[in-house]
Protein backbone atom coordinates (compact mmCIF):
# COMPACT_ATOMS: atom_id res chain seq x y z
CA MET A 1 -28.52 -65.78 15.89
CA THR A 2 -27.66 -63.72 18.86
CA VAL A 3 -27.27 -59.96 18.95
CA SER A 4 -23.51 -60.19 19.45
CA SER A 5 -23.05 -62.49 16.43
CA GLU A 6 -25.12 -60.11 14.30
CA LYS A 7 -22.88 -57.25 15.40
CA LEU A 8 -19.79 -59.28 14.55
CA ILE A 9 -21.14 -60.03 11.08
CA ALA A 10 -22.06 -56.38 10.53
CA HIS A 11 -18.60 -55.30 11.66
CA ALA A 12 -16.91 -57.83 9.36
CA LYS A 13 -19.00 -56.63 6.40
CA SER A 14 -18.12 -53.00 7.15
CA ARG A 15 -14.39 -53.92 7.25
CA THR A 16 -14.75 -55.67 3.90
CA GLN A 17 -16.55 -52.65 2.45
CA THR A 18 -13.89 -50.31 3.85
CA VAL A 19 -11.14 -52.32 2.15
CA ALA A 20 -13.05 -52.32 -1.14
CA ASP A 21 -13.55 -48.53 -0.88
CA LYS A 22 -9.85 -47.98 -0.21
CA VAL A 23 -8.94 -50.10 -3.22
CA ARG A 24 -11.35 -48.22 -5.50
CA GLU A 25 -9.96 -44.89 -4.29
CA ALA A 26 -6.39 -46.09 -4.91
CA MET A 27 -7.32 -47.20 -8.43
CA ARG A 28 -8.83 -43.75 -9.15
CA ALA A 29 -5.67 -42.07 -7.85
CA ILE A 30 -3.49 -44.32 -10.01
CA GLU A 31 -5.59 -43.52 -13.09
CA LEU A 32 -5.17 -39.80 -12.40
CA ASP A 33 -1.41 -40.23 -12.03
CA VAL A 34 -1.22 -42.10 -15.33
CA GLU A 35 -3.36 -39.46 -17.04
CA LYS A 36 -1.28 -36.58 -15.64
CA ASN A 37 1.90 -38.25 -16.83
CA ASP A 38 0.61 -39.15 -20.31
CA GLY A 39 0.60 -42.91 -19.97
CA ILE A 40 3.54 -43.36 -17.61
CA TYR A 41 2.95 -44.53 -14.05
CA PRO A 42 5.34 -42.35 -12.02
CA PHE A 43 5.76 -44.65 -9.00
CA ASN A 44 7.19 -48.12 -8.43
CA ARG A 45 9.50 -47.71 -11.43
CA GLY A 46 6.46 -47.61 -13.67
CA ARG A 47 5.24 -51.11 -12.72
CA LEU A 48 1.57 -51.50 -11.89
CA THR A 49 0.80 -54.64 -9.88
CA GLN A 50 -1.65 -55.89 -7.27
CA ALA A 51 0.94 -55.10 -4.62
CA GLU A 52 1.21 -51.52 -5.85
CA VAL A 53 -2.56 -51.06 -5.74
CA CYS A 54 -2.57 -52.46 -2.18
CA ARG A 55 0.29 -50.15 -1.20
CA ARG A 56 -1.59 -47.13 -2.57
CA ALA A 57 -4.77 -48.30 -0.79
CA GLY A 58 -2.94 -48.69 2.52
CA ILE A 59 -3.75 -52.37 2.92
CA HIS A 60 -1.56 -55.45 2.99
CA LYS A 61 -1.49 -57.68 -0.08
CA ILE A 62 -2.43 -60.69 2.08
CA THR A 63 -5.81 -59.03 2.62
CA LEU A 64 -6.73 -59.97 -0.95
CA GLN A 65 -6.09 -63.66 -0.17
CA GLY A 66 -8.94 -63.81 2.35
CA LYS A 67 -12.31 -65.37 1.67
CA ALA A 68 -14.08 -62.01 1.50
CA HIS A 69 -11.82 -60.54 -1.19
CA LYS A 70 -10.40 -63.47 -3.13
CA THR A 71 -13.25 -63.70 -5.62
CA THR A 72 -14.38 -60.07 -5.60
CA THR A 73 -11.86 -57.33 -4.88
CA ARG A 74 -8.82 -59.27 -6.08
CA GLU A 75 -10.46 -60.19 -9.40
CA ALA A 76 -11.64 -56.61 -9.86
CA ILE A 77 -8.06 -55.39 -9.33
CA ASP A 78 -6.70 -57.92 -11.83
CA ALA A 79 -9.25 -56.91 -14.48
CA TRP A 80 -8.56 -53.23 -13.84
CA ILE A 81 -4.78 -53.74 -14.12
CA LYS A 82 -5.20 -55.53 -17.46
CA ARG A 83 -7.39 -52.70 -18.74
CA ILE A 84 -5.09 -49.89 -17.59
CA ARG A 85 -1.89 -51.57 -18.79
CA LYS A 86 -3.14 -51.10 -22.35
CA ARG A 87 -2.79 -47.34 -21.81
CA LEU A 88 0.58 -47.54 -20.06
CA PHE A 89 4.08 -47.33 -21.43
CA THR A 90 5.83 -50.27 -19.81
CA GLY A 91 9.41 -51.36 -19.87
CA ARG A 92 12.53 -49.30 -19.49
CA LYS A 93 13.10 -48.74 -23.22
CA ALA A 94 9.51 -47.75 -23.99
CA VAL A 95 9.34 -45.33 -21.06
CA ARG A 96 12.74 -43.84 -21.88
CA LYS A 97 11.71 -43.41 -25.52
CA ALA A 98 8.41 -41.74 -24.56
CA VAL A 99 10.11 -39.38 -22.12
CA THR A 100 12.81 -38.50 -24.66
CA GLU A 101 10.20 -37.78 -27.34
CA ARG A 102 8.30 -35.52 -24.93
CA ALA A 103 11.47 -33.71 -23.91
CA ASP A 104 12.43 -33.20 -27.56
CA ASP A 105 8.94 -31.89 -28.32
CA TRP A 106 9.09 -29.40 -25.46
CA LYS A 107 12.60 -28.39 -26.44
CA SER A 108 11.50 -27.61 -30.00
CA ARG A 109 8.51 -25.66 -28.68
CA TYR A 110 10.80 -23.71 -26.39
CA PHE A 111 13.17 -22.79 -29.21
CA ALA A 112 10.24 -21.76 -31.42
CA VAL A 113 9.04 -19.40 -28.70
CA ALA A 114 12.59 -18.15 -28.10
CA ARG A 115 12.99 -17.34 -31.81
CA TRP A 116 9.67 -15.49 -31.76
CA ILE A 117 10.76 -13.50 -28.70
CA ASP A 118 14.06 -12.58 -30.37
CA HIS A 119 12.16 -11.52 -33.50
CA TYR A 120 9.76 -9.48 -31.36
CA HIS A 121 12.64 -7.68 -29.62
CA LEU A 122 14.25 -6.83 -32.96
CA GLU A 123 10.94 -5.48 -34.25
CA GLU A 124 10.49 -3.48 -31.06
CA ILE A 125 13.93 -1.89 -31.50
CA ALA A 126 13.09 -1.02 -35.10
CA ARG A 127 9.74 0.46 -34.04
CA HIS A 128 11.45 2.53 -31.38
CA GLU A 129 13.93 3.90 -33.94
CA GLU A 130 11.09 4.74 -36.34
CA HIS A 131 9.21 6.46 -33.52
CA SER A 132 12.27 8.54 -32.58
CA LYS A 133 12.74 9.55 -36.23
CA ALA A 134 9.06 10.46 -36.50
CA LEU A 135 9.24 12.65 -33.38
CA LEU A 136 12.32 14.40 -34.73
CA ARG A 137 10.56 14.93 -38.07
CA ILE A 138 7.54 16.38 -36.23
CA GLU A 139 9.79 18.89 -34.42
CA VAL A 140 11.39 19.94 -37.73
CA LEU A 141 8.00 20.32 -39.43
CA GLU A 142 6.56 22.31 -36.52
CA ALA A 143 9.53 24.68 -36.64
CA GLU A 144 9.11 25.03 -40.41
CA ASN A 145 5.39 25.62 -39.93
CA ILE A 146 6.03 28.44 -37.45
CA LYS A 147 8.59 29.99 -39.83
CA LEU A 148 6.14 29.85 -42.76
CA ARG A 149 3.28 31.31 -40.70
CA PHE A 150 5.54 34.15 -39.64
CA GLU A 151 6.55 34.85 -43.25
CA PHE A 152 2.96 34.83 -44.54
CA SER A 153 1.50 36.88 -41.69
CA LYS A 154 3.75 39.87 -42.31
CA GLY A 155 5.16 39.79 -38.81
CA LYS A 156 1.88 39.51 -36.92
CA VAL A 157 2.31 36.03 -35.52
CA VAL A 158 0.42 35.16 -32.39
CA SER A 159 2.14 32.55 -30.28
CA LEU A 160 0.26 30.87 -27.49
CA ARG A 161 1.46 29.67 -24.16
CA PRO A 162 1.23 25.88 -23.92
CA ASN A 163 -1.90 25.92 -21.70
CA GLN A 164 -3.83 28.65 -23.55
CA ARG A 165 -6.55 28.38 -26.15
CA PRO A 166 -6.77 30.79 -29.05
CA ASP A 167 -10.32 31.85 -28.07
CA ASP A 168 -9.71 32.86 -24.43
CA GLY A 169 -8.27 36.31 -25.35
CA SER A 170 -5.00 35.92 -23.43
CA ALA A 171 -2.73 35.44 -26.42
CA GLN A 172 0.64 37.18 -26.60
CA VAL A 173 1.61 39.46 -29.48
């Protein structure tokens, strides 16, 4: 073998390996799409075929017909498609049913949260009213307390300014 034929063979093998790598990467991406969409393939109207894997890999489907890929890459794709189709919802009715069930589930979850939020707002309004009543009651009791202290002290009530302490000697008489 000459040096140039060895280079040609090496180049051909690297092209074959590049195609196989692209296909594996496309299959991983498809699996992620199916996983993210809970068993529904979001492209190609939900159909998963050899042609779709080739499209995602950026290669032409005829590439799989060549001698280098016919018994390796193509068979690997076919086996992978059979395996992943078990996890897929296929067919218009099955996909529509699955999507409708998911939408209904999310709708019920939304309404449950909305009811909780409404309940929370009502409780918050009630708490605010109770707080306002409590503050009013505190004002009434403080006024009554001052009145009682004045009555029991025989007119010698010491009132403090708001920022004074009783022990600093600056109280008013």
